[in-house]
Amino acid sequence: MTVVLDGETLSPEDVVAVARNDARIEIADAARERVRESRQRVEDVVDSGDPVYGLNTGFGELVDERIPPSELERLQVNLIRSHAAGAGRELDREEVRAMMVARINALVKGYSGIRETVVDALVRLCNEGVHPVVKSRGSLGASGDLAPLAHMSLVLLGEGEALVDGDGESSPRRLSGDKALAEIGLEPLSLAPKEGLALINGTQLTVGLAALAVVDGERLVRAADAAGALTTETTLATTATSDPALHEVRPHDGQLASARAIRRLTADSEIVEAHRNCDRVQDAYSLRCLPQVHGAVRDAFDHLRDAVETELNSATDNPLVFAADRVDDRASGTDRAAVLSGGNFHGAPLALRLEYARLALVDLAAIAERRMDRLLNPNLQEPHLPPFLAADSGVESGYMIAQYTAASLVNELRSLGAASTDNTPVSGGQEDHVSMSSQAALNTRTAIENATWIVAAELVCGAQAAEYVQTAFETDDTLSLGVGTTAVYDLIREVVPPLSGDRPVHRDVEGVVELLEDGLLDDAVTRAIEEETQ
């Protein structure tokens, strides 16, 4: 697969294709022309001799320091070196690639004033498997993700370190920046005026992680719908709570979608039909309110997707370079070009929506954990289910401790806190309000990881409960699950055998986590429903 970057149409799915599936990057011809035009404007402004932030002045609080022409290259190189001050764990391979493809796309939008050769060098790194070693902590989300992007950019200078993909089964090699460049036939770059800022000033760590979160979060909500549908059936709960009449009179988009998903997953379920006229009046909220809660999470990720799609195709560094006739107020520039300083690097549009999505994931994890408890807890279970779904309860504990782990993970999510509501002024007070957007993105990644484990655990328990559901009915016939839930059960049983005695249950859950992360559950459900409706 090839992803063509044009500065206008990059999607979260494209980011995933590059970050996880090693899709190659190409630059559209029209985007290359914009890059060349933007670079010419920068050179016109530099030649004019006027003081322009980021071209011939210092940075941050040092904005009033005028830099002589002989020092302009050193100014840009020193910017990269000094800003590579990150801390914490190193970003993993997909996180680095997501950041890189997002940065390249922002540069080719044509307002950054960078040379084409620098863009091509970044593309070569991605396409040939050279991944800069980048520290995950240190960004304030304004002036963008400075420290992580500086670590990325060091390798272009032949400095820093990179992990270079091996051949076949061999592990990546950790090399110095100059040796990593030599592996793919590149020489270290020198930097022209504006290029250091163009490389590091922007939201590309935040938006790269957010793009991954959008795809993962949307897939996770669909998996949670499948888990909830399976639990609904195996606890003999009613599907009437997904009736269209209920949701059409409160038509939130996500709620409608989750209710529709439950109906499709449980379509043609003989188990649902067998107890449709039972004496139970209402189910617990974790079952009855599934469409409302899951739907609200869907809406949160729709809101995040809108911001991510805009941000992926935005110019977010500072200053930005325009044709002179494009702007109303040419604070600096020439008759042909204008350079405007602004705040497009500020991560607030992403940070706030990432916080919203993270909070939504806490609720998704919490309701899944409560449904697990109804499958396992002998004080809440239906009579046909053995305590903790153990084959020989008492001697065996079954899936008891899986719920402990789920409770622990929910607690961790609740303790993460809201990064974007904090603020610490920096740069001598010049940068006095920051977004903390990258920490919000990292927290959302943690929330997805924890919530995925919990939803997978509910699926494991739901599949085990299905082993006992037939005993709830006085019939010799085997009653089927729904069209979608049958596909879910069958797929789980490919990696998790029925629980016939105690065993390390983390392997069961981890096997289903892989099904979710690889998209196999999505595929199985989609295929089953499509075949049924043909």
Protein backbone atom coordinates (compact mmCIF):
# COMPACT_ATOMS: atom_id res chain seq x y z
CA MET A 1 0.00 0.00 0.00
CA THR A 2 1.11 3.54 -0.72
CA VAL A 3 -0.17 6.65 1.05
CA VAL A 4 0.14 9.80 -1.07
CA LEU A 5 0.59 12.92 1.05
CA ASP A 6 -0.85 16.14 -0.32
CA GLY A 7 -1.37 18.17 2.87
CA GLU A 8 -5.13 17.97 2.41
CA THR A 9 -6.51 14.43 2.64
CA LEU A 10 -4.58 12.43 5.24
CA SER A 11 -6.97 10.31 7.33
CA PRO A 12 -6.58 8.43 10.62
CA GLU A 13 -6.74 5.21 8.61
CA ASP A 14 -3.84 6.42 6.45
CA VAL A 15 -1.81 7.08 9.60
CA VAL A 16 -2.52 3.53 10.77
CA ALA A 17 -1.50 2.18 7.36
CA VAL A 18 1.89 3.88 7.62
CA ALA A 19 2.40 3.38 11.36
CA ARG A 20 1.38 -0.27 11.64
CA ASN A 21 1.29 -1.73 8.17
CA ASP A 22 4.40 -0.06 6.76
CA ALA A 23 2.59 1.59 3.86
CA ARG A 24 5.05 3.58 1.75
CA ILE A 25 4.82 7.35 1.57
CA GLU A 26 4.81 9.39 -1.63
CA ILE A 27 4.43 13.15 -2.04
CA ALA A 28 1.90 14.50 -4.51
CA ASP A 29 3.33 16.65 -7.28
CA ALA A 30 1.09 19.60 -6.41
CA ALA A 31 2.31 19.44 -2.80
CA ARG A 32 5.93 19.49 -3.95
CA GLU A 33 5.26 22.63 -5.92
CA ARG A 34 3.74 24.29 -2.84
CA VAL A 35 6.83 23.35 -0.82
CA ARG A 36 9.10 24.95 -3.42
CA GLU A 37 6.99 28.12 -3.55
CA SER A 38 6.95 28.40 0.23
CA ARG A 39 10.72 28.00 0.41
CA GLN A 40 11.23 30.75 -2.15
CA ARG A 41 9.11 33.09 -0.02
CA VAL A 42 11.32 32.40 2.99
CA GLU A 43 14.44 33.19 0.98
CA ASP A 44 12.88 36.44 -0.22
CA VAL A 45 12.20 37.47 3.36
CA VAL A 46 15.68 36.49 4.56
CA ASP A 47 17.26 38.47 1.70
CA SER A 48 15.25 41.54 2.72
CA GLY A 49 17.14 41.70 6.03
CA ASP A 50 14.05 42.50 8.09
CA PRO A 51 13.89 40.86 11.55
CA VAL A 52 11.49 37.89 11.41
CA TYR A 53 10.84 35.51 14.27
CA GLY A 54 12.36 32.10 13.69
CA LEU A 55 14.33 33.19 10.63
CA ASN A 56 16.86 35.59 12.06
CA THR A 57 15.88 36.06 15.71
CA GLY A 58 16.18 33.99 18.85
CA PHE A 59 13.37 31.78 20.11
CA GLY A 60 10.82 32.07 22.92
CA GLU A 61 11.93 34.66 25.48
CA LEU A 62 14.98 35.33 23.26
CA VAL A 63 12.77 36.67 20.47
CA ASP A 64 14.41 40.12 20.60
CA GLU A 65 17.89 38.74 19.96
CA ARG A 66 18.88 39.51 16.33
CA ILE A 67 21.00 36.79 14.68
CA PRO A 68 23.62 37.77 12.06
CA PRO A 69 23.51 36.04 8.65
CA SER A 70 26.68 34.08 9.36
CA GLU A 71 24.98 32.35 12.30
CA LEU A 72 21.62 31.47 10.74
CA GLU A 73 22.46 27.83 10.03
CA ARG A 74 23.88 27.34 13.52
CA LEU A 75 20.76 28.93 14.95
CA GLN A 76 18.56 26.23 13.39
CA VAL A 77 20.90 23.35 14.31
CA ASN A 78 21.21 24.58 17.89
CA LEU A 79 17.43 24.75 18.10
CA ILE A 80 17.17 21.02 17.35
CA ARG A 81 19.98 20.10 19.72
CA SER A 82 18.79 22.19 22.63
CA HIS A 83 15.16 21.13 22.34
CA ALA A 84 15.97 17.39 22.36
CA ALA A 85 15.40 17.33 26.11
CA GLY A 86 12.78 14.60 26.41
CA ALA A 87 12.35 12.13 29.25
CA GLY A 88 10.54 8.89 30.06
CA ARG A 89 10.09 5.78 27.99
CA GLU A 90 10.94 5.76 24.32
CA LEU A 91 8.07 5.93 21.88
CA ASP A 92 7.40 2.60 20.22
CA ARG A 93 7.78 2.03 16.51
CA GLU A 94 4.19 2.76 15.52
CA GLU A 95 4.08 5.92 17.63
CA VAL A 96 7.22 7.27 15.95
CA ARG A 97 5.91 6.45 12.48
CA ALA A 98 2.54 8.06 13.24
CA MET A 99 4.31 11.24 14.34
CA MET A 100 6.55 11.25 11.27
CA VAL A 101 3.82 10.82 8.68
CA ALA A 102 1.75 13.52 10.37
CA ARG A 103 4.75 15.90 10.36
CA ILE A 104 5.53 15.27 6.70
CA ASN A 105 1.93 15.95 5.72
CA ALA A 106 1.91 19.23 7.64
CA LEU A 107 5.13 20.33 5.92
CA VAL A 108 3.85 19.60 2.40
CA LYS A 109 0.80 21.74 2.99
CA GLY A 110 3.10 24.53 1.87
CA TYR A 111 3.26 27.13 4.66
CA SER A 112 6.37 26.02 6.55
CA GLY A 113 9.10 27.29 4.23
CA ILE A 114 11.13 24.11 4.36
CA ARG A 115 13.24 22.79 1.49
CA GLU A 116 12.04 19.84 -0.53
CA THR A 117 15.23 17.92 0.27
CA VAL A 118 14.40 17.93 3.99
CA VAL A 119 10.92 16.56 3.32
CA ASP A 120 12.40 13.85 1.10
CA ALA A 121 14.83 12.86 3.83
CA LEU A 122 11.97 12.33 6.28
CA VAL A 123 10.13 10.25 3.69
CA ARG A 124 13.25 8.12 3.17
CA LEU A 125 13.50 7.44 6.90
CA CYS A 126 9.92 6.17 7.00
CA ASN A 127 10.06 4.18 3.79
CA GLU A 128 13.35 2.49 4.59
CA GLY A 129 12.64 1.65 8.20
CA VAL A 130 14.85 4.14 10.03
CA HIS A 131 13.04 5.25 13.18
CA PRO A 132 14.53 7.95 15.39
CA VAL A 133 14.71 7.17 19.09
CA VAL A 134 12.22 9.59 20.62
CA LYS A 135 11.51 10.20 24.30
CA SER A 136 7.80 10.19 25.07
CA ARG A 137 7.71 12.90 27.74
CA GLY A 138 8.64 16.56 27.55
CA SER A 139 6.05 18.12 25.26
CA LEU A 140 3.73 20.80 26.63
CA GLY A 141 1.53 20.84 23.53
CA ALA A 142 2.64 24.45 22.84
CA SER A 143 4.75 25.49 21.00
CA GLY A 144 3.66 22.12 19.81
CA ASP A 145 5.44 18.86 20.59
CA LEU A 146 8.88 20.44 20.65
CA ALA A 147 11.00 17.90 22.53
CA PRO A 148 9.73 14.74 20.78
CA LEU A 149 9.97 16.34 17.34
CA ALA A 150 13.49 17.55 18.15
CA HIS A 151 14.55 13.99 19.00
CA MET A 152 13.09 12.92 15.66
CA SER A 153 14.92 15.68 13.80
CA LEU A 154 18.33 15.01 15.36
CA VAL A 155 18.75 11.98 13.12
CA LEU A 156 18.46 14.17 10.02
CA LEU A 157 21.54 16.00 11.30
CA GLY A 158 23.42 12.75 11.76
CA GLU A 159 23.00 13.02 15.52
CA GLY A 160 20.86 11.24 18.10
CA GLU A 161 19.99 7.58 17.63
CA ALA A 162 17.69 5.50 15.44
CA LEU A 163 16.36 1.97 15.35
CA VAL A 164 16.93 0.54 11.89
CA ASP A 165 14.68 -2.29 10.76
CA GLY A 166 16.36 -5.64 10.29
CA ASP A 167 15.83 -8.10 7.47
CA GLY A 168 13.33 -10.89 7.95
CA GLU A 169 13.39 -12.14 11.51
CA SER A 170 16.30 -10.02 12.73
CA SER A 171 15.67 -7.38 15.38
CA PRO A 172 16.05 -3.66 14.73
CA ARG A 173 19.57 -2.32 15.24
CA ARG A 174 20.19 0.71 17.40
CA LEU A 175 22.59 3.02 15.57
CA SER A 176 23.88 6.55 15.93
CA GLY A 177 22.18 9.07 13.69
CA ASP A 178 25.05 9.31 11.21
CA LYS A 179 25.35 5.54 10.87
CA ALA A 180 21.59 5.19 10.47
CA LEU A 181 21.64 7.71 7.62
CA ALA A 182 24.56 5.91 6.01
CA GLU A 183 22.54 2.68 6.03
CA ILE A 184 20.12 4.23 3.53
CA GLY A 185 22.66 6.30 1.62
CA LEU A 186 21.89 9.72 3.09
CA GLU A 187 24.31 12.40 4.24
CA PRO A 188 23.55 14.48 7.36
CA LEU A 189 21.61 17.61 6.48
CA SER A 190 22.51 21.20 7.12
CA LEU A 191 19.55 23.42 7.97
CA ALA A 192 18.62 26.62 6.21
CA PRO A 193 16.73 29.51 7.88
CA LYS A 194 13.32 28.51 9.29
CA GLU A 195 13.90 24.75 8.89
CA GLY A 196 14.64 23.93 12.51
CA LEU A 197 11.40 25.54 13.59
CA ALA A 198 9.52 23.92 10.71
CA LEU A 199 10.64 20.49 11.89
CA ILE A 200 9.78 20.78 15.57
CA ASN A 201 7.04 23.37 15.92
CA GLY A 202 3.69 21.60 15.66
CA THR A 203 1.27 19.08 17.15
CA GLN A 204 2.37 15.99 15.30
CA LEU A 205 3.09 13.69 18.25
CA THR A 206 -0.31 14.57 19.65
CA VAL A 207 -2.20 14.17 16.39
CA GLY A 208 -0.29 11.02 15.39
CA LEU A 209 -1.24 9.35 18.68
CA ALA A 210 -4.75 10.74 18.42
CA ALA A 211 -5.16 9.26 14.93
CA LEU A 212 -4.22 5.83 16.29
CA ALA A 213 -6.63 6.40 19.19
CA VAL A 214 -9.52 7.24 16.86
CA VAL A 215 -9.17 4.01 14.89
CA ASP A 216 -8.57 1.90 18.01
CA GLY A 217 -11.33 3.54 20.02
CA GLU A 218 -13.96 3.17 17.32
CA ARG A 219 -13.04 -0.49 16.90
CA LEU A 220 -13.15 -1.00 20.67
CA VAL A 221 -16.70 0.38 20.92
CA ARG A 222 -17.81 -2.09 18.27
CA ALA A 223 -16.14 -4.90 20.25
CA ALA A 224 -17.89 -3.69 23.40
CA ASP A 225 -21.22 -3.87 21.57
CA ALA A 226 -20.40 -7.48 20.68
CA ALA A 227 -19.40 -8.28 24.26
CA GLY A 228 -22.54 -6.67 25.61
CA ALA A 229 -24.73 -8.53 23.14
CA LEU A 230 -23.17 -11.87 24.12
CA THR A 231 -23.63 -11.07 27.82
CA THR A 232 -27.22 -10.03 27.14
CA GLU A 233 -27.96 -13.41 25.61
CA THR A 234 -26.10 -15.61 28.08
CA THR A 235 -27.64 -13.86 31.12
CA LEU A 236 -31.10 -14.17 29.55
CA ALA A 237 -31.54 -10.40 29.47
CA THR A 238 -33.97 -8.80 27.06
CA THR A 239 -33.05 -7.20 23.75
CA ALA A 240 -36.21 -5.10 23.86
CA THR A 241 -34.06 -2.28 25.22
CA SER A 242 -32.60 -1.96 21.72
CA ASP A 243 -35.98 -1.59 20.06
CA PRO A 244 -35.92 1.19 17.44
CA ALA A 245 -38.97 2.82 18.98
CA LEU A 246 -37.05 3.63 22.15
CA HIS A 247 -34.11 5.20 20.40
CA GLU A 248 -35.93 7.07 17.69
CA VAL A 249 -37.48 9.28 20.37
CA ARG A 250 -33.98 10.08 21.74
CA PRO A 251 -32.02 10.03 18.50
CA HIS A 252 -28.39 10.58 19.51
CA ASP A 253 -26.28 9.22 16.65
CA GLY A 254 -24.13 6.94 18.79
CA GLN A 255 -27.08 5.59 20.75
CA LEU A 256 -28.90 4.74 17.54
CA ALA A 257 -25.79 3.01 16.18
CA SER A 258 -25.18 0.88 19.28
CA ALA A 259 -28.84 -0.12 19.54
CA ARG A 260 -28.76 -1.12 15.88
CA ALA A 261 -25.58 -3.12 16.51
CA ILE A 262 -27.18 -5.07 19.36
CA ARG A 263 -30.18 -5.90 17.20
CA ARG A 264 -27.97 -7.13 14.37
CA LEU A 265 -25.70 -9.13 16.66
CA THR A 266 -28.62 -10.92 18.31
CA ALA A 267 -30.75 -11.31 15.18
CA ASP A 268 -32.37 -14.76 14.86
CA SER A 269 -31.27 -15.76 18.37
CA GLU A 270 -33.27 -18.76 19.52
CA ILE A 271 -32.11 -18.07 23.07
CA VAL A 272 -33.67 -14.60 23.01
CA GLU A 273 -36.90 -16.01 21.61
CA ALA A 274 -37.04 -18.80 24.21
CA HIS A 275 -37.31 -16.38 27.14
CA ARG A 276 -39.00 -13.43 25.47
CA ASN A 277 -42.13 -13.83 27.59
CA CYS A 278 -40.41 -14.51 30.93
CA ASP A 279 -41.49 -12.82 34.15
CA ARG A 280 -38.50 -10.44 34.41
CA VAL A 281 -39.62 -6.84 34.14
CA GLN A 282 -36.31 -5.02 33.79
CA ASP A 283 -32.61 -5.80 33.60
CA ALA A 284 -29.81 -4.05 35.47
CA TYR A 285 -28.54 -0.79 34.06
CA SER A 286 -25.29 -2.30 32.72
CA LEU A 287 -27.49 -4.32 30.32
CA ARG A 288 -30.53 -2.12 29.94
CA CYS A 289 -28.59 1.09 29.28
CA LEU A 290 -25.96 -0.44 27.01
CA PRO A 291 -27.03 1.52 23.88
CA GLN A 292 -27.07 4.79 25.79
CA VAL A 293 -23.63 4.35 27.38
CA HIS A 294 -21.87 2.76 24.40
CA GLY A 295 -23.55 5.29 22.15
CA ALA A 296 -22.18 8.19 24.18
CA VAL A 297 -18.69 6.74 23.78
CA ARG A 298 -19.27 6.51 20.03
CA ASP A 299 -20.23 10.19 20.00
CA ALA A 300 -17.08 11.12 21.91
CA PHE A 301 -14.91 9.40 19.31
CA ASP A 302 -16.86 11.00 16.48
CA HIS A 303 -16.03 14.35 18.07
CA LEU A 304 -12.36 13.39 18.35
CA ARG A 305 -12.26 12.15 14.75
CA ASP A 306 -13.47 15.52 13.46
CA ALA A 307 -10.62 17.30 15.22
CA VAL A 308 -8.00 14.75 14.16
CA GLU A 309 -8.99 14.86 10.49
CA THR A 310 -8.73 18.65 10.54
CA GLU A 311 -5.44 18.70 12.44
CA LEU A 312 -3.76 16.08 10.25
CA ASN A 313 -4.23 18.41 7.30
CA SER A 314 -3.35 21.69 9.00
CA ALA A 315 -0.28 23.93 9.10
CA THR A 316 0.71 24.02 12.77
CA ASP A 317 4.19 25.50 13.03
CA ASN A 318 5.17 29.10 13.69
CA PRO A 319 5.72 31.40 11.97
CA LEU A 320 3.85 30.50 8.80
CA VAL A 321 4.73 31.77 5.35
CA PHE A 322 2.10 33.12 2.94
CA ALA A 323 1.89 34.86 -0.39
CA ALA A 324 1.73 38.57 0.39
CA ASP A 325 -1.67 39.02 -1.24
CA ARG A 326 -3.16 36.30 0.99
CA VAL A 327 -2.96 38.20 4.28
CA ASP A 328 -4.52 41.40 5.61
CA ASP A 329 -1.75 42.43 7.97
CA ARG A 330 1.80 41.78 6.81
CA ALA A 331 3.59 42.06 10.15
CA SER A 332 6.83 41.22 8.36
CA GLY A 333 7.88 40.22 4.87
CA THR A 334 8.25 41.57 1.37
CA ASP A 335 5.97 42.53 -1.48
CA ARG A 336 5.87 38.87 -2.50
CA ALA A 337 5.75 37.09 0.89
CA ALA A 338 4.38 37.55 4.39
CA VAL A 339 5.48 35.78 7.53
CA LEU A 340 2.89 35.65 10.30
CA SER A 341 3.49 34.58 13.88
CA GLY A 342 0.52 32.95 15.53
CA GLY A 343 -0.51 30.05 17.72
CA ASN A 344 -1.49 27.20 15.40
CA PHE A 345 0.91 25.00 17.39
CA HIS A 346 -1.33 25.14 20.47
CA GLY A 347 -2.78 21.70 21.12
CA ALA A 348 -6.02 22.74 22.82
CA PRO A 349 -8.32 21.63 19.95
CA LEU A 350 -6.93 18.11 20.34
CA ALA A 351 -6.25 18.08 24.07
CA LEU A 352 -9.81 18.81 25.14
CA ARG A 353 -11.32 16.23 22.81
CA LEU A 354 -8.74 13.64 23.84
CA GLU A 355 -9.77 14.22 27.46
CA TYR A 356 -13.40 13.74 26.45
CA ALA A 357 -12.55 10.48 24.67
CA ARG A 358 -10.48 9.26 27.64
CA LEU A 359 -13.32 9.92 30.06
CA ALA A 360 -15.70 8.12 27.72
CA LEU A 361 -13.38 5.09 27.73
CA VAL A 362 -13.44 5.05 31.53
CA ASP A 363 -17.21 4.68 31.36
CA LEU A 364 -16.98 2.01 28.66
CA ALA A 365 -14.52 0.04 30.78
CA ALA A 366 -16.65 0.49 33.89
CA ILE A 367 -19.88 -0.78 32.32
CA ALA A 368 -18.07 -3.78 30.79
CA GLU A 369 -16.61 -4.63 34.22
CA ARG A 370 -20.11 -4.48 35.74
CA ARG A 371 -21.45 -6.86 33.10
CA MET A 372 -18.55 -9.21 33.84
CA ASP A 373 -19.58 -9.19 37.47
CA ARG A 374 -23.12 -10.24 36.52
CA LEU A 375 -21.65 -13.18 34.62
CA LEU A 376 -19.40 -14.25 37.51
CA ASN A 377 -20.86 -13.14 40.83
CA PRO A 378 -22.91 -15.91 42.49
CA ASN A 379 -25.01 -13.23 44.21
CA LEU A 380 -26.03 -11.72 40.86
CA GLN A 381 -25.81 -14.61 38.38
CA GLU A 382 -28.72 -16.31 36.72
CA PRO A 383 -29.40 -19.81 38.14
CA HIS A 384 -28.00 -21.62 35.09
CA LEU A 385 -24.52 -20.14 35.57
CA PRO A 386 -22.06 -21.71 38.07
CA PRO A 387 -20.21 -19.40 40.49
CA PHE A 388 -17.39 -17.60 38.64
CA LEU A 389 -18.14 -19.86 35.65
CA ALA A 390 -15.95 -22.56 37.22
CA ALA A 391 -16.58 -26.17 36.21
CA ASP A 392 -16.14 -27.28 39.84
CA SER A 393 -16.62 -24.13 41.89
CA GLY A 394 -15.00 -24.13 45.30
CA VAL A 395 -12.16 -26.37 44.25
CA GLU A 396 -11.78 -24.13 41.21
CA SER A 397 -11.98 -20.33 40.99
CA GLY A 398 -12.81 -20.08 37.28
CA TYR A 399 -12.67 -16.50 36.03
CA MET A 400 -12.99 -14.93 39.48
CA ILE A 401 -9.69 -13.05 39.36
CA ALA A 402 -10.23 -11.75 35.83
CA GLN A 403 -12.82 -9.46 37.39
CA TYR A 404 -10.26 -8.36 40.00
CA THR A 405 -7.92 -7.32 37.20
CA ALA A 406 -10.73 -5.52 35.40
CA ALA A 407 -11.55 -3.62 38.58
CA SER A 408 -7.87 -2.69 38.96
CA LEU A 409 -7.68 -1.40 35.40
CA VAL A 410 -10.83 0.69 35.84
CA ASN A 411 -9.34 2.19 38.99
CA GLU A 412 -6.15 3.08 37.10
CA LEU A 413 -8.18 4.83 34.42
CA ARG A 414 -10.07 6.84 37.00
CA SER A 415 -6.79 7.98 38.54
CA LEU A 416 -5.19 9.30 35.33
CA GLY A 417 -6.45 12.84 35.76
CA ALA A 418 -7.05 15.55 33.20
CA ALA A 419 -3.70 16.65 31.76
CA SER A 420 -5.17 19.46 29.68
CA THR A 421 -6.57 21.36 32.66
CA ASP A 422 -3.06 21.91 34.03
CA ASN A 423 -0.74 24.71 33.02
CA THR A 424 2.88 25.60 33.79
CA PRO A 425 4.33 28.74 32.20
CA VAL A 426 7.72 28.29 30.49
CA SER A 427 10.33 30.19 28.48
CA GLY A 428 10.61 33.02 30.95
CA GLY A 429 6.84 33.59 30.87
CA GLN A 430 6.67 34.11 27.10
CA GLU A 431 4.87 30.79 26.72
CA ASP A 432 2.50 31.28 29.63
CA HIS A 433 -0.39 28.98 28.67
CA VAL A 434 0.18 25.50 27.29
CA SER A 435 -2.14 22.61 26.39
CA MET A 436 -0.44 19.43 27.66
CA SER A 437 -1.99 17.79 24.60
CA SER A 438 0.61 15.05 24.16
CA GLN A 439 0.07 13.84 27.73
CA ALA A 440 -3.67 13.80 27.03
CA ALA A 441 -2.92 11.64 23.97
CA LEU A 442 -0.68 9.28 25.96
CA ASN A 443 -3.37 8.98 28.64
CA THR A 444 -5.94 8.14 25.99
CA ARG A 445 -3.63 5.41 24.66
CA THR A 446 -3.47 3.97 28.20
CA ALA A 447 -7.25 4.15 28.47
CA ILE A 448 -7.66 2.22 25.22
CA GLU A 449 -5.19 -0.44 26.37
CA ASN A 450 -6.95 -0.95 29.70
CA ALA A 451 -10.45 -0.85 28.27
CA THR A 452 -9.50 -3.33 25.54
CA TRP A 453 -8.36 -5.83 28.18
CA ILE A 454 -11.64 -5.42 30.07
CA VAL A 455 -13.82 -5.84 26.98
CA ALA A 456 -11.78 -8.90 26.00
CA ALA A 457 -12.30 -10.34 29.47
CA GLU A 458 -16.05 -9.81 29.16
CA LEU A 459 -15.98 -11.63 25.83
CA VAL A 460 -14.09 -14.55 27.39
CA CYS A 461 -16.64 -14.76 30.22
CA GLY A 462 -19.56 -14.40 27.82
CA ALA A 463 -18.26 -17.29 25.71
CA GLN A 464 -17.89 -19.43 28.83
CA ALA A 465 -21.40 -18.52 29.97
CA ALA A 466 -22.64 -19.71 26.58
CA GLU A 467 -21.48 -23.22 27.55
CA TYR A 468 -24.18 -23.26 30.25
CA VAL A 469 -27.00 -21.29 28.66
CA GLN A 470 -28.78 -24.38 27.32
CA THR A 471 -29.44 -25.62 30.85
CA ALA A 472 -31.72 -22.64 31.45
CA PHE A 473 -34.38 -24.14 29.19
CA GLU A 474 -36.46 -27.27 29.51
CA THR A 475 -35.77 -28.53 26.04
CA ASP A 476 -33.65 -31.18 24.42
CA ASP A 477 -33.00 -28.92 21.45
CA THR A 478 -29.83 -26.84 21.21
CA LEU A 479 -30.79 -23.19 20.98
CA SER A 480 -28.61 -20.94 18.88
CA LEU A 481 -27.08 -17.59 19.68
CA GLY A 482 -27.70 -14.66 17.35
CA VAL A 483 -26.17 -14.28 13.92
CA GLY A 484 -23.43 -11.95 15.14
CA THR A 485 -22.91 -13.45 18.58
CA THR A 486 -22.49 -16.90 17.05
CA ALA A 487 -19.63 -15.51 14.97
CA VAL A 488 -18.18 -13.91 18.11
CA TYR A 489 -18.42 -17.15 20.09
CA ASP A 490 -16.89 -19.23 17.28
CA LEU A 491 -13.96 -16.83 16.87
CA ILE A 492 -13.22 -16.78 20.59
CA ARG A 493 -13.25 -20.56 20.67
CA GLU A 494 -10.53 -20.57 18.02
CA VAL A 495 -8.12 -19.14 20.60
CA VAL A 496 -9.75 -19.91 23.97
CA PRO A 497 -11.05 -23.43 24.68
CA PRO A 498 -13.93 -23.92 27.13
CA LEU A 499 -12.84 -23.69 30.75
CA SER A 500 -12.81 -27.27 32.03
CA GLY A 501 -10.50 -26.59 34.98
CA ASP A 502 -8.42 -23.79 36.43
CA ARG A 503 -5.59 -22.44 34.29
CA PRO A 504 -3.72 -19.11 33.96
CA VAL A 505 -6.59 -17.02 32.63
CA HIS A 506 -4.44 -14.12 31.48
CA ARG A 507 -3.63 -16.18 28.39
CA ASP A 508 -7.33 -16.49 27.57
CA VAL A 509 -7.86 -12.74 27.78
CA GLU A 510 -4.66 -11.89 25.94
CA GLY A 511 -5.68 -14.18 23.09
CA VAL A 512 -8.93 -12.25 22.67
CA VAL A 513 -7.12 -8.91 23.00
CA GLU A 514 -5.15 -9.91 19.92
CA LEU A 515 -8.37 -10.71 18.06
CA LEU A 516 -9.65 -7.23 18.85
CA GLU A 517 -6.43 -5.40 18.02
CA ASP A 518 -5.97 -7.27 14.74
CA GLY A 519 -9.52 -6.43 13.68
CA LEU A 520 -10.48 -10.09 13.42
CA LEU A 521 -13.55 -9.73 15.63
CA ASP A 522 -14.75 -6.83 13.51
CA ASP A 523 -14.22 -8.90 10.37
CA ALA A 524 -16.03 -11.96 11.73
CA VAL A 525 -19.09 -9.99 12.84
CA THR A 526 -19.28 -7.98 9.63
CA ARG A 527 -18.98 -11.11 7.51
CA ALA A 528 -21.68 -12.97 9.45
CA ILE A 529 -24.16 -10.10 9.31
CA GLU A 530 -23.53 -9.47 5.60
CA GLU A 531 -24.03 -13.15 4.78
CA GLU A 532 -27.28 -13.20 6.72
CA THR A 533 -28.68 -10.17 4.93
CA GLN A 534 -27.76 -11.28 1.41
